[in-house]
Amino acid sequence: PGNPFYNITTALEIRGAPDLAALRTTLDEIDRRHESL
């Protein structure tokens, strides 16, 4: 139980000023399109 052996993690570094509205829209679209998430 709770062992994350099948998870794949990653970290991203964003340099500069991110477009937060575009990032939020992108994450919401990923959520909408991918039932597995």
PDB file of all heavy atoms in Angstrom:
ATOM      1  N   PRO A   1       0.804  -1.228   0.000  1.00  0.00           N
ATOM      2  CA  PRO A   1       0.000   0.000   0.000  1.00  0.00           C
ATOM      3  C   PRO A   1       0.838   1.279   0.000  1.00  0.00           C
ATOM      4  O   PRO A   1       1.818   1.396   0.730  1.00  0.00           O
ATOM      5  CB  PRO A   1      -0.809  -0.107   1.300  1.00  0.00           C
ATOM      6  CG  PRO A   1      -0.831  -1.557   1.623  1.00  0.00           C
ATOM      7  CD  PRO A   1       0.479  -2.101   1.124  1.00  0.00           C
ATOM      8  N   GLY A   2       0.434   2.206  -0.866  1.00  0.00           N
ATOM      9  CA  GLY A   2       1.084   3.515  -0.905  1.00  0.00           C
ATOM     10  C   GLY A   2       2.426   3.558  -1.595  1.00  0.00           C
ATOM     11  O   GLY A   2       3.027   4.626  -1.710  1.00  0.00           O
ATOM     12  N   ASN A   3       2.919   2.435  -2.066  1.00  0.00           N
ATOM     13  CA  ASN A   3       4.217   2.423  -2.743  1.00  0.00           C
ATOM     14  C   ASN A   3       4.049   3.026  -4.132  1.00  0.00           C
ATOM     15  O   ASN A   3       3.243   2.549  -4.926  1.00  0.00           O
ATOM     16  CB  ASN A   3       4.743   0.987  -2.852  1.00  0.00           C
ATOM     17  CG  ASN A   3       6.161   0.921  -3.346  1.00  0.00           C
ATOM     18  OD1 ASN A   3       6.609   1.760  -4.114  1.00  0.00           O
ATOM     19  ND2 ASN A   3       6.882  -0.089  -2.899  1.00  0.00           N
ATOM     20  N   PRO A   4       4.802   4.065  -4.454  1.00  0.00           N
ATOM     21  CA  PRO A   4       4.622   4.748  -5.749  1.00  0.00           C
ATOM     22  C   PRO A   4       5.475   4.161  -6.871  1.00  0.00           C
ATOM     23  O   PRO A   4       5.876   4.862  -7.777  1.00  0.00           O
ATOM     24  CB  PRO A   4       5.069   6.176  -5.422  1.00  0.00           C
ATOM     25  CG  PRO A   4       6.148   5.978  -4.410  1.00  0.00           C
ATOM     26  CD  PRO A   4       5.696   4.796  -3.575  1.00  0.00           C
ATOM     27  N   PHE A   5       5.736   2.846  -6.864  1.00  0.00           N
ATOM     28  CA  PHE A   5       6.649   2.274  -7.857  1.00  0.00           C
ATOM     29  C   PHE A   5       6.169   2.397  -9.286  1.00  0.00           C
ATOM     30  O   PHE A   5       6.948   2.253 -10.208  1.00  0.00           O
ATOM     31  CB  PHE A   5       6.997   0.817  -7.546  1.00  0.00           C
ATOM     32  CG  PHE A   5       5.850  -0.068  -7.168  1.00  0.00           C
ATOM     33  CD1 PHE A   5       4.867  -0.409  -8.065  1.00  0.00           C
ATOM     34  CD2 PHE A   5       5.780  -0.574  -5.884  1.00  0.00           C
ATOM     35  CE1 PHE A   5       3.818  -1.230  -7.702  1.00  0.00           C
ATOM     36  CE2 PHE A   5       4.733  -1.408  -5.509  1.00  0.00           C
ATOM     37  CZ  PHE A   5       3.753  -1.730  -6.413  1.00  0.00           C
ATOM     38  N   TYR A   6       4.921   2.690  -9.521  1.00  0.00           N
ATOM     39  CA  TYR A   6       4.433   2.840 -10.892  1.00  0.00           C
ATOM     40  C   TYR A   6       4.241   4.307 -11.274  1.00  0.00           C
ATOM     41  O   TYR A   6       3.745   4.612 -12.345  1.00  0.00           O
ATOM     42  CB  TYR A   6       3.138   2.056 -11.114  1.00  0.00           C
ATOM     43  CG  TYR A   6       2.062   2.368 -10.106  1.00  0.00           C
ATOM     44  CD1 TYR A   6       1.208   3.441 -10.296  1.00  0.00           C
ATOM     45  CD2 TYR A   6       1.907   1.587  -8.976  1.00  0.00           C
ATOM     46  CE1 TYR A   6       0.228   3.738  -9.371  1.00  0.00           C
ATOM     47  CE2 TYR A   6       0.916   1.878  -8.047  1.00  0.00           C
ATOM     48  CZ  TYR A   6       0.090   2.946  -8.261  1.00  0.00           C
ATOM     49  OH  TYR A   6      -0.879   3.233  -7.349  1.00  0.00           O
ATOM     50  N   ASN A   7       4.611   5.224 -10.408  1.00  0.00           N
ATOM     51  CA  ASN A   7       4.502   6.655 -10.718  1.00  0.00           C
ATOM     52  C   ASN A   7       5.770   7.148 -11.403  1.00  0.00           C
ATOM     53  O   ASN A   7       6.871   6.692 -11.102  1.00  0.00           O
ATOM     54  CB  ASN A   7       4.291   7.479  -9.443  1.00  0.00           C
ATOM     55  CG  ASN A   7       2.940   7.232  -8.820  1.00  0.00           C
ATOM     56  OD1 ASN A   7       2.039   6.719  -9.456  1.00  0.00           O
ATOM     57  ND2 ASN A   7       2.803   7.595  -7.565  1.00  0.00           N
ATOM     58  N   ILE A   8       5.593   8.070 -12.304  1.00  0.00           N
ATOM     59  CA  ILE A   8       6.726   8.730 -12.965  1.00  0.00           C
ATOM     60  C   ILE A   8       6.603  10.209 -12.627  1.00  0.00           C
ATOM     61  O   ILE A   8       5.599  10.842 -12.946  1.00  0.00           O
ATOM     62  CB  ILE A   8       6.691   8.518 -14.491  1.00  0.00           C
ATOM     63  CG1 ILE A   8       6.755   7.024 -14.812  1.00  0.00           C
ATOM     64  CG2 ILE A   8       7.831   9.284 -15.161  1.00  0.00           C
ATOM     65  CD1 ILE A   8       6.521   6.703 -16.270  1.00  0.00           C
ATOM     66  N   THR A   9       7.606  10.744 -11.974  1.00  0.00           N
ATOM     67  CA  THR A   9       7.547  12.146 -11.584  1.00  0.00           C
ATOM     68  C   THR A   9       8.582  12.949 -12.354  1.00  0.00           C
ATOM     69  O   THR A   9       9.576  12.414 -12.848  1.00  0.00           O
ATOM     70  CB  THR A   9       7.809  12.304 -10.076  1.00  0.00           C
ATOM     71  OG1 THR A   9       9.114  11.805  -9.783  1.00  0.00           O
ATOM     72  CG2 THR A   9       6.783  11.547  -9.261  1.00  0.00           C
ATOM     73  N   THR A  10       8.334  14.218 -12.442  1.00  0.00           N
ATOM     74  CA  THR A  10       9.272  15.124 -13.094  1.00  0.00           C
ATOM     75  C   THR A  10       9.045  16.519 -12.529  1.00  0.00           C
ATOM     76  O   THR A  10       8.004  16.802 -11.941  1.00  0.00           O
ATOM     77  CB  THR A  10       9.090  15.122 -14.627  1.00  0.00           C
ATOM     78  OG1 THR A  10      10.145  15.854 -15.224  1.00  0.00           O
ATOM     79  CG2 THR A  10       7.770  15.724 -15.042  1.00  0.00           C
ATOM     80  N   ALA A  11      10.040  17.350 -12.695  1.00  0.00           N
ATOM     81  CA  ALA A  11       9.934  18.749 -12.279  1.00  0.00           C
ATOM     82  C   ALA A  11      10.366  19.613 -13.459  1.00  0.00           C
ATOM     83  O   ALA A  11      11.249  19.235 -14.233  1.00  0.00           O
ATOM     84  CB  ALA A  11      10.823  19.027 -11.071  1.00  0.00           C
ATOM     85  N   LEU A  12       9.713  20.737 -13.600  1.00  0.00           N
ATOM     86  CA  LEU A  12      10.036  21.668 -14.668  1.00  0.00           C
ATOM     87  C   LEU A  12      10.407  23.006 -14.068  1.00  0.00           C
ATOM     88  O   LEU A  12       9.813  23.441 -13.079  1.00  0.00           O
ATOM     89  CB  LEU A  12       8.843  21.856 -15.607  1.00  0.00           C
ATOM     90  CG  LEU A  12       8.304  20.613 -16.297  1.00  0.00           C
ATOM     91  CD1 LEU A  12       7.019  20.953 -17.042  1.00  0.00           C
ATOM     92  CD2 LEU A  12       9.331  20.041 -17.245  1.00  0.00           C
ATOM     93  N   GLU A  13      11.366  23.655 -14.677  1.00  0.00           N
ATOM     94  CA  GLU A  13      11.727  25.003 -14.259  1.00  0.00           C
ATOM     95  C   GLU A  13      11.292  25.954 -15.360  1.00  0.00           C
ATOM     96  O   GLU A  13      11.621  25.759 -16.523  1.00  0.00           O
ATOM     97  CB  GLU A  13      13.230  25.124 -14.051  1.00  0.00           C
ATOM     98  CG  GLU A  13      13.661  26.511 -13.636  1.00  0.00           C
ATOM     99  CD  GLU A  13      15.165  26.624 -13.444  1.00  0.00           C
ATOM    100  OE1 GLU A  13      15.854  25.597 -13.412  1.00  0.00           O
ATOM    101  OE2 GLU A  13      15.644  27.764 -13.337  1.00  0.00           O
ATOM    102  N   ILE A  14      10.511  26.950 -14.969  1.00  0.00           N
ATOM    103  CA  ILE A  14      10.055  27.952 -15.927  1.00  0.00           C
ATOM    104  C   ILE A  14      10.874  29.207 -15.692  1.00  0.00           C
ATOM    105  O   ILE A  14      10.908  29.736 -14.582  1.00  0.00           O
ATOM    106  CB  ILE A  14       8.553  28.250 -15.757  1.00  0.00           C
ATOM    107  CG1 ILE A  14       7.742  26.974 -15.994  1.00  0.00           C
ATOM    108  CG2 ILE A  14       8.114  29.371 -16.694  1.00  0.00           C
ATOM    109  CD1 ILE A  14       6.265  27.119 -15.705  1.00  0.00           C
ATOM    110  N   ARG A  15      11.512  29.663 -16.719  1.00  0.00           N
ATOM    111  CA  ARG A  15      12.301  30.896 -16.615  1.00  0.00           C
ATOM    112  C   ARG A  15      11.531  32.037 -17.262  1.00  0.00           C
ATOM    113  O   ARG A  15      10.883  31.862 -18.275  1.00  0.00           O
ATOM    114  CB  ARG A  15      13.652  30.716 -17.301  1.00  0.00           C
ATOM    115  CG  ARG A  15      14.495  29.689 -16.594  1.00  0.00           C
ATOM    116  CD  ARG A  15      15.862  29.606 -17.175  1.00  0.00           C
ATOM    117  NE  ARG A  15      16.614  28.583 -16.439  1.00  0.00           N
ATOM    118  CZ  ARG A  15      17.766  28.140 -16.793  1.00  0.00           C
ATOM    119  NH1 ARG A  15      18.356  28.618 -17.863  1.00  0.00           N
ATOM    120  NH2 ARG A  15      18.372  27.228 -16.071  1.00  0.00           N
ATOM    121  N   GLY A  16      11.627  33.189 -16.658  1.00  0.00           N
ATOM    122  CA  GLY A  16      10.903  34.338 -17.188  1.00  0.00           C
ATOM    123  C   GLY A  16       9.508  34.393 -16.609  1.00  0.00           C
ATOM    124  O   GLY A  16       9.121  33.596 -15.761  1.00  0.00           O
ATOM    125  N   ALA A  17       8.747  35.337 -17.067  1.00  0.00           N
ATOM    126  CA  ALA A  17       7.386  35.524 -16.575  1.00  0.00           C
ATOM    127  C   ALA A  17       6.446  34.584 -17.330  1.00  0.00           C
ATOM    128  O   ALA A  17       6.234  34.746 -18.528  1.00  0.00           O
ATOM    129  CB  ALA A  17       6.952  36.976 -16.771  1.00  0.00           C
ATOM    130  N   PRO A  18       5.882  33.596 -16.641  1.00  0.00           N
ATOM    131  CA  PRO A  18       4.964  32.680 -17.326  1.00  0.00           C
ATOM    132  C   PRO A  18       3.630  33.345 -17.612  1.00  0.00           C
ATOM    133  O   PRO A  18       3.194  34.236 -16.889  1.00  0.00           O
ATOM    134  CB  PRO A  18       4.802  31.532 -16.328  1.00  0.00           C
ATOM    135  CG  PRO A  18       5.049  32.152 -14.997  1.00  0.00           C
ATOM    136  CD  PRO A  18       6.063  33.247 -15.227  1.00  0.00           C
ATOM    137  N   ASP A  19       2.987  32.890 -18.669  1.00  0.00           N
ATOM    138  CA  ASP A  19       1.629  33.335 -18.979  1.00  0.00           C
ATOM    139  C   ASP A  19       0.694  32.446 -18.159  1.00  0.00           C
ATOM    140  O   ASP A  19       0.350  31.336 -18.572  1.00  0.00           O
ATOM    141  CB  ASP A  19       1.373  33.189 -20.479  1.00  0.00           C
ATOM    142  CG  ASP A  19      -0.006  33.666 -20.902  1.00  0.00           C
ATOM    143  OD1 ASP A  19      -0.907  33.759 -20.029  1.00  0.00           O
ATOM    144  OD2 ASP A  19      -0.178  33.934 -22.103  1.00  0.00           O
ATOM    145  N   LEU A  20       0.317  32.906 -16.970  1.00  0.00           N
ATOM    146  CA  LEU A  20      -0.458  32.087 -16.047  1.00  0.00           C
ATOM    147  C   LEU A  20      -1.825  31.697 -16.596  1.00  0.00           C
ATOM    148  O   LEU A  20      -2.301  30.588 -16.354  1.00  0.00           O
ATOM    149  CB  LEU A  20      -0.603  32.800 -14.698  1.00  0.00           C
ATOM    150  CG  LEU A  20       0.714  33.024 -13.942  1.00  0.00           C
ATOM    151  CD1 LEU A  20       0.455  33.774 -12.646  1.00  0.00           C
ATOM    152  CD2 LEU A  20       1.424  31.712 -13.674  1.00  0.00           C
ATOM    153  N   ALA A  21      -2.441  32.600 -17.346  1.00  0.00           N
ATOM    154  CA  ALA A  21      -3.745  32.276 -17.933  1.00  0.00           C
ATOM    155  C   ALA A  21      -3.604  31.137 -18.942  1.00  0.00           C
ATOM    156  O   ALA A  21      -4.423  30.204 -18.965  1.00  0.00           O
ATOM    157  CB  ALA A  21      -4.363  33.512 -18.585  1.00  0.00           C
ATOM    158  N   ALA A  22      -2.573  31.190 -19.775  1.00  0.00           N
ATOM    159  CA  ALA A  22      -2.347  30.123 -20.758  1.00  0.00           C
ATOM    160  C   ALA A  22      -1.994  28.808 -20.070  1.00  0.00           C
ATOM    161  O   ALA A  22      -2.450  27.735 -20.479  1.00  0.00           O
ATOM    162  CB  ALA A  22      -1.241  30.533 -21.729  1.00  0.00           C
ATOM    163  N   LEU A  23      -1.192  28.887 -18.996  1.00  0.00           N
ATOM    164  CA  LEU A  23      -0.829  27.681 -18.259  1.00  0.00           C
ATOM    165  C   LEU A  23      -2.067  27.049 -17.623  1.00  0.00           C
ATOM    166  O   LEU A  23      -2.273  25.839 -17.716  1.00  0.00           O
ATOM    167  CB  LEU A  23       0.212  28.016 -17.189  1.00  0.00           C
ATOM    168  CG  LEU A  23       0.701  26.854 -16.330  1.00  0.00           C
ATOM    169  CD1 LEU A  23       1.286  25.737 -17.186  1.00  0.00           C
ATOM    170  CD2 LEU A  23       1.724  27.353 -15.315  1.00  0.00           C
ATOM    171  N   ARG A  24      -2.908  27.852 -17.018  1.00  0.00           N
ATOM    172  CA  ARG A  24      -4.137  27.335 -16.403  1.00  0.00           C
ATOM    173  C   ARG A  24      -5.055  26.719 -17.461  1.00  0.00           C
ATOM    174  O   ARG A  24      -5.616  25.640 -17.268  1.00  0.00           O
ATOM    175  CB  ARG A  24      -4.875  28.423 -15.642  1.00  0.00           C
ATOM    176  CG  ARG A  24      -6.144  27.881 -15.011  1.00  0.00           C
ATOM    177  CD  ARG A  24      -6.864  28.899 -14.139  1.00  0.00           C
ATOM    178  NE  ARG A  24      -7.881  28.211 -13.394  1.00  0.00           N
ATOM    179  CZ  ARG A  24      -7.718  27.670 -12.196  1.00  0.00           C
ATOM    180  NH1 ARG A  24      -6.572  27.746 -11.597  1.00  0.00           N
ATOM    181  NH2 ARG A  24      -8.706  27.050 -11.602  1.00  0.00           N
ATOM    182  N   THR A  25      -5.217  27.389 -18.597  1.00  0.00           N
ATOM    183  CA  THR A  25      -6.051  26.865 -19.682  1.00  0.00           C
ATOM    184  C   THR A  25      -5.507  25.527 -20.179  1.00  0.00           C
ATOM    185  O   THR A  25      -6.261  24.580 -20.422  1.00  0.00           O
ATOM    186  CB  THR A  25      -6.118  27.879 -20.842  1.00  0.00           C
ATOM    187  OG1 THR A  25      -6.702  29.083 -20.352  1.00  0.00           O
ATOM    188  CG2 THR A  25      -6.932  27.355 -22.007  1.00  0.00           C
ATOM    189  N   THR A  26      -4.187  25.429 -20.288  1.00  0.00           N
ATOM    190  CA  THR A  26      -3.550  24.190 -20.743  1.00  0.00           C
ATOM    191  C   THR A  26      -3.791  23.057 -19.754  1.00  0.00           C
ATOM    192  O   THR A  26      -4.170  21.946 -20.141  1.00  0.00           O
ATOM    193  CB  THR A  26      -2.037  24.415 -20.939  1.00  0.00           C
ATOM    194  OG1 THR A  26      -1.852  25.434 -21.918  1.00  0.00           O
ATOM    195  CG2 THR A  26      -1.338  23.149 -21.378  1.00  0.00           C
ATOM    196  N   LEU A  27      -3.593  23.319 -18.459  1.00  0.00           N
ATOM    197  CA  LEU A  27      -3.809  22.280 -17.446  1.00  0.00           C
ATOM    198  C   LEU A  27      -5.276  21.856 -17.395  1.00  0.00           C
ATOM    199  O   LEU A  27      -5.579  20.669 -17.253  1.00  0.00           O
ATOM    200  CB  LEU A  27      -3.336  22.779 -16.078  1.00  0.00           C
ATOM    201  CG  LEU A  27      -1.824  22.993 -15.947  1.00  0.00           C
ATOM    202  CD1 LEU A  27      -1.497  23.625 -14.606  1.00  0.00           C
ATOM    203  CD2 LEU A  27      -1.055  21.701 -16.152  1.00  0.00           C
ATOM    204  N   ASP A  28      -6.184  22.808 -17.532  1.00  0.00           N
ATOM    205  CA  ASP A  28      -7.612  22.467 -17.551  1.00  0.00           C
ATOM    206  C   ASP A  28      -7.958  21.601 -18.765  1.00  0.00           C
ATOM    207  O   ASP A  28      -8.772  20.679 -18.669  1.00  0.00           O
ATOM    208  CB  ASP A  28      -8.476  23.730 -17.549  1.00  0.00           C
ATOM    209  CG  ASP A  28      -8.495  24.429 -16.198  1.00  0.00           C
ATOM    210  OD1 ASP A  28      -8.070  23.807 -15.196  1.00  0.00           O
ATOM    211  OD2 ASP A  28      -8.940  25.587 -16.145  1.00  0.00           O
ATOM    212  N   GLU A  29      -7.339  21.883 -19.895  1.00  0.00           N
ATOM    213  CA  GLU A  29      -7.595  21.076 -21.100  1.00  0.00           C
ATOM    214  C   GLU A  29      -7.035  19.665 -20.944  1.00  0.00           C
ATOM    215  O   GLU A  29      -7.659  18.693 -21.370  1.00  0.00           O
ATOM    216  CB  GLU A  29      -7.005  21.776 -22.334  1.00  0.00           C
ATOM    217  CG  GLU A  29      -7.271  21.064 -23.633  1.00  0.00           C
ATOM    218  CD  GLU A  29      -8.742  20.961 -24.033  1.00  0.00           C
ATOM    219  OE1 GLU A  29      -9.621  21.567 -23.378  1.00  0.00           O
ATOM    220  OE2 GLU A  29      -9.024  20.253 -25.019  1.00  0.00           O
ATOM    221  N   ILE A  30      -5.878  19.543 -20.323  1.00  0.00           N
ATOM    222  CA  ILE A  30      -5.325  18.211 -20.046  1.00  0.00           C
ATOM    223  C   ILE A  30      -6.285  17.446 -19.146  1.00  0.00           C
ATOM    224  O   ILE A  30      -6.585  16.270 -19.389  1.00  0.00           O
ATOM    225  CB  ILE A  30      -3.924  18.327 -19.416  1.00  0.00           C
ATOM    226  CG1 ILE A  30      -2.923  18.833 -20.470  1.00  0.00           C
ATOM    227  CG2 ILE A  30      -3.461  16.984 -18.852  1.00  0.00           C
ATOM    228  CD1 ILE A  30      -1.578  19.234 -19.901  1.00  0.00           C
ATOM    229  N   ASP A  31      -6.801  18.089 -18.112  1.00  0.00           N
ATOM    230  CA  ASP A  31      -7.768  17.471 -17.208  1.00  0.00           C
ATOM    231  C   ASP A  31      -9.022  17.037 -17.969  1.00  0.00           C
ATOM    232  O   ASP A  31      -9.545  15.939 -17.752  1.00  0.00           O
ATOM    233  CB  ASP A  31      -8.126  18.465 -16.091  1.00  0.00           C
ATOM    234  CG  ASP A  31      -9.169  17.928 -15.137  1.00  0.00           C
ATOM    235  OD1 ASP A  31      -8.946  16.844 -14.552  1.00  0.00           O
ATOM    236  OD2 ASP A  31     -10.219  18.588 -14.972  1.00  0.00           O
ATOM    237  N   ARG A  32      -9.501  17.859 -18.865  1.00  0.00           N
ATOM    238  CA  ARG A  32     -10.711  17.548 -19.629  1.00  0.00           C
ATOM    239  C   ARG A  32     -10.501  16.367 -20.564  1.00  0.00           C
ATOM    240  O   ARG A  32     -11.358  15.495 -20.693  1.00  0.00           O
ATOM    241  CB  ARG A  32     -11.159  18.769 -20.437  1.00  0.00           C
ATOM    242  CG  ARG A  32     -12.504  18.559 -21.150  1.00  0.00           C
ATOM    243  CD  ARG A  32     -12.816  19.675 -22.126  1.00  0.00           C
ATOM    244  NE  ARG A  32     -11.928  19.668 -23.282  1.00  0.00           N
ATOM    245  CZ  ARG A  32     -12.022  18.810 -24.312  1.00  0.00           C
ATOM    246  NH1 ARG A  32     -12.937  17.882 -24.332  1.00  0.00           N
ATOM    247  NH2 ARG A  32     -11.179  18.891 -25.331  1.00  0.00           N
ATOM    248  N   ARG A  33      -9.349  16.319 -21.220  1.00  0.00           N
ATOM    249  CA  ARG A  33      -9.119  15.321 -22.272  1.00  0.00           C
ATOM    250  C   ARG A  33      -8.674  13.956 -21.773  1.00  0.00           C
ATOM    251  O   ARG A  33      -8.822  12.963 -22.485  1.00  0.00           O
ATOM    252  CB  ARG A  33      -8.068  15.842 -23.253  1.00  0.00           C
ATOM    253  CG  ARG A  33      -8.561  17.020 -24.060  1.00  0.00           C
ATOM    254  CD  ARG A  33      -7.505  17.550 -24.982  1.00  0.00           C
ATOM    255  NE  ARG A  33      -7.106  16.530 -25.939  1.00  0.00           N
ATOM    256  CZ  ARG A  33      -6.168  16.691 -26.853  1.00  0.00           C
ATOM    257  NH1 ARG A  33      -5.526  17.831 -26.928  1.00  0.00           N
ATOM    258  NH2 ARG A  33      -5.861  15.741 -27.689  1.00  0.00           N
ATOM    259  N   HIS A  34      -8.113  13.884 -20.576  1.00  0.00           N
ATOM    260  CA  HIS A  34      -7.505  12.631 -20.130  1.00  0.00           C
ATOM    261  C   HIS A  34      -8.237  12.057 -18.917  1.00  0.00           C
ATOM    262  O   HIS A  34      -7.966  12.407 -17.772  1.00  0.00           O
ATOM    263  CB  HIS A  34      -6.017  12.848 -19.827  1.00  0.00           C
ATOM    264  CG  HIS A  34      -5.242  13.233 -21.038  1.00  0.00           C
ATOM    265  ND1 HIS A  34      -4.837  12.313 -21.981  1.00  0.00           N
ATOM    266  CD2 HIS A  34      -4.845  14.440 -21.492  1.00  0.00           C
ATOM    267  CE1 HIS A  34      -4.198  12.943 -22.955  1.00  0.00           C
ATOM    268  NE2 HIS A  34      -4.187  14.233 -22.688  1.00  0.00           N
ATOM    269  N   GLU A  35      -9.147  11.126 -19.195  1.00  0.00           N
ATOM    270  CA  GLU A  35      -9.929  10.494 -18.135  1.00  0.00           C
ATOM    271  C   GLU A  35      -9.044   9.783 -17.124  1.00  0.00           C
ATOM    272  O   GLU A  35      -9.377   9.725 -15.937  1.00  0.00           O
ATOM    273  CB  GLU A  35     -10.919   9.492 -18.731  1.00  0.00           C
ATOM    274  CG  GLU A  35     -12.045  10.127 -19.488  1.00  0.00           C
ATOM    275  CD  GLU A  35     -12.994   9.098 -20.078  1.00  0.00           C
ATOM    276  OE1 GLU A  35     -12.618   7.909 -20.190  1.00  0.00           O
ATOM    277  OE2 GLU A  35     -14.123   9.484 -20.408  1.00  0.00           O
ATOM    278  N   SER A  36      -7.912   9.254 -17.570  1.00  0.00           N
ATOM    279  CA  SER A  36      -7.043   8.507 -16.651  1.00  0.00           C
ATOM    280  C   SER A  36      -6.555   9.378 -15.502  1.00  0.00           C
ATOM    281  O   SER A  36      -6.279   8.870 -14.411  1.00  0.00           O
ATOM    282  CB  SER A  36      -5.856   7.901 -17.402  1.00  0.00           C
ATOM    283  OG  SER A  36      -5.064   8.924 -17.973  1.00  0.00           O
ATOM    284  N   LEU A  37      -6.466  10.680 -15.709  1.00  0.00           N
ATOM    285  CA  LEU A  37      -6.028  11.584 -14.645  1.00  0.00           C
ATOM    286  C   LEU A  37      -7.153  11.881 -13.650  1.00  0.00           C
ATOM    287  O   LEU A  37      -6.903  12.432 -12.583  1.00  0.00           O
ATOM    288  CB  LEU A  37      -5.501  12.891 -15.241  1.00  0.00           C
ATOM    289  CG  LEU A  37      -4.289  12.746 -16.155  1.00  0.00           C
ATOM    290  CD1 LEU A  37      -3.944  14.087 -16.783  1.00  0.00           C
ATOM    291  CD2 LEU A  37      -3.109  12.171 -15.399  1.00  0.00           C
TER     292      LEU A  37
END
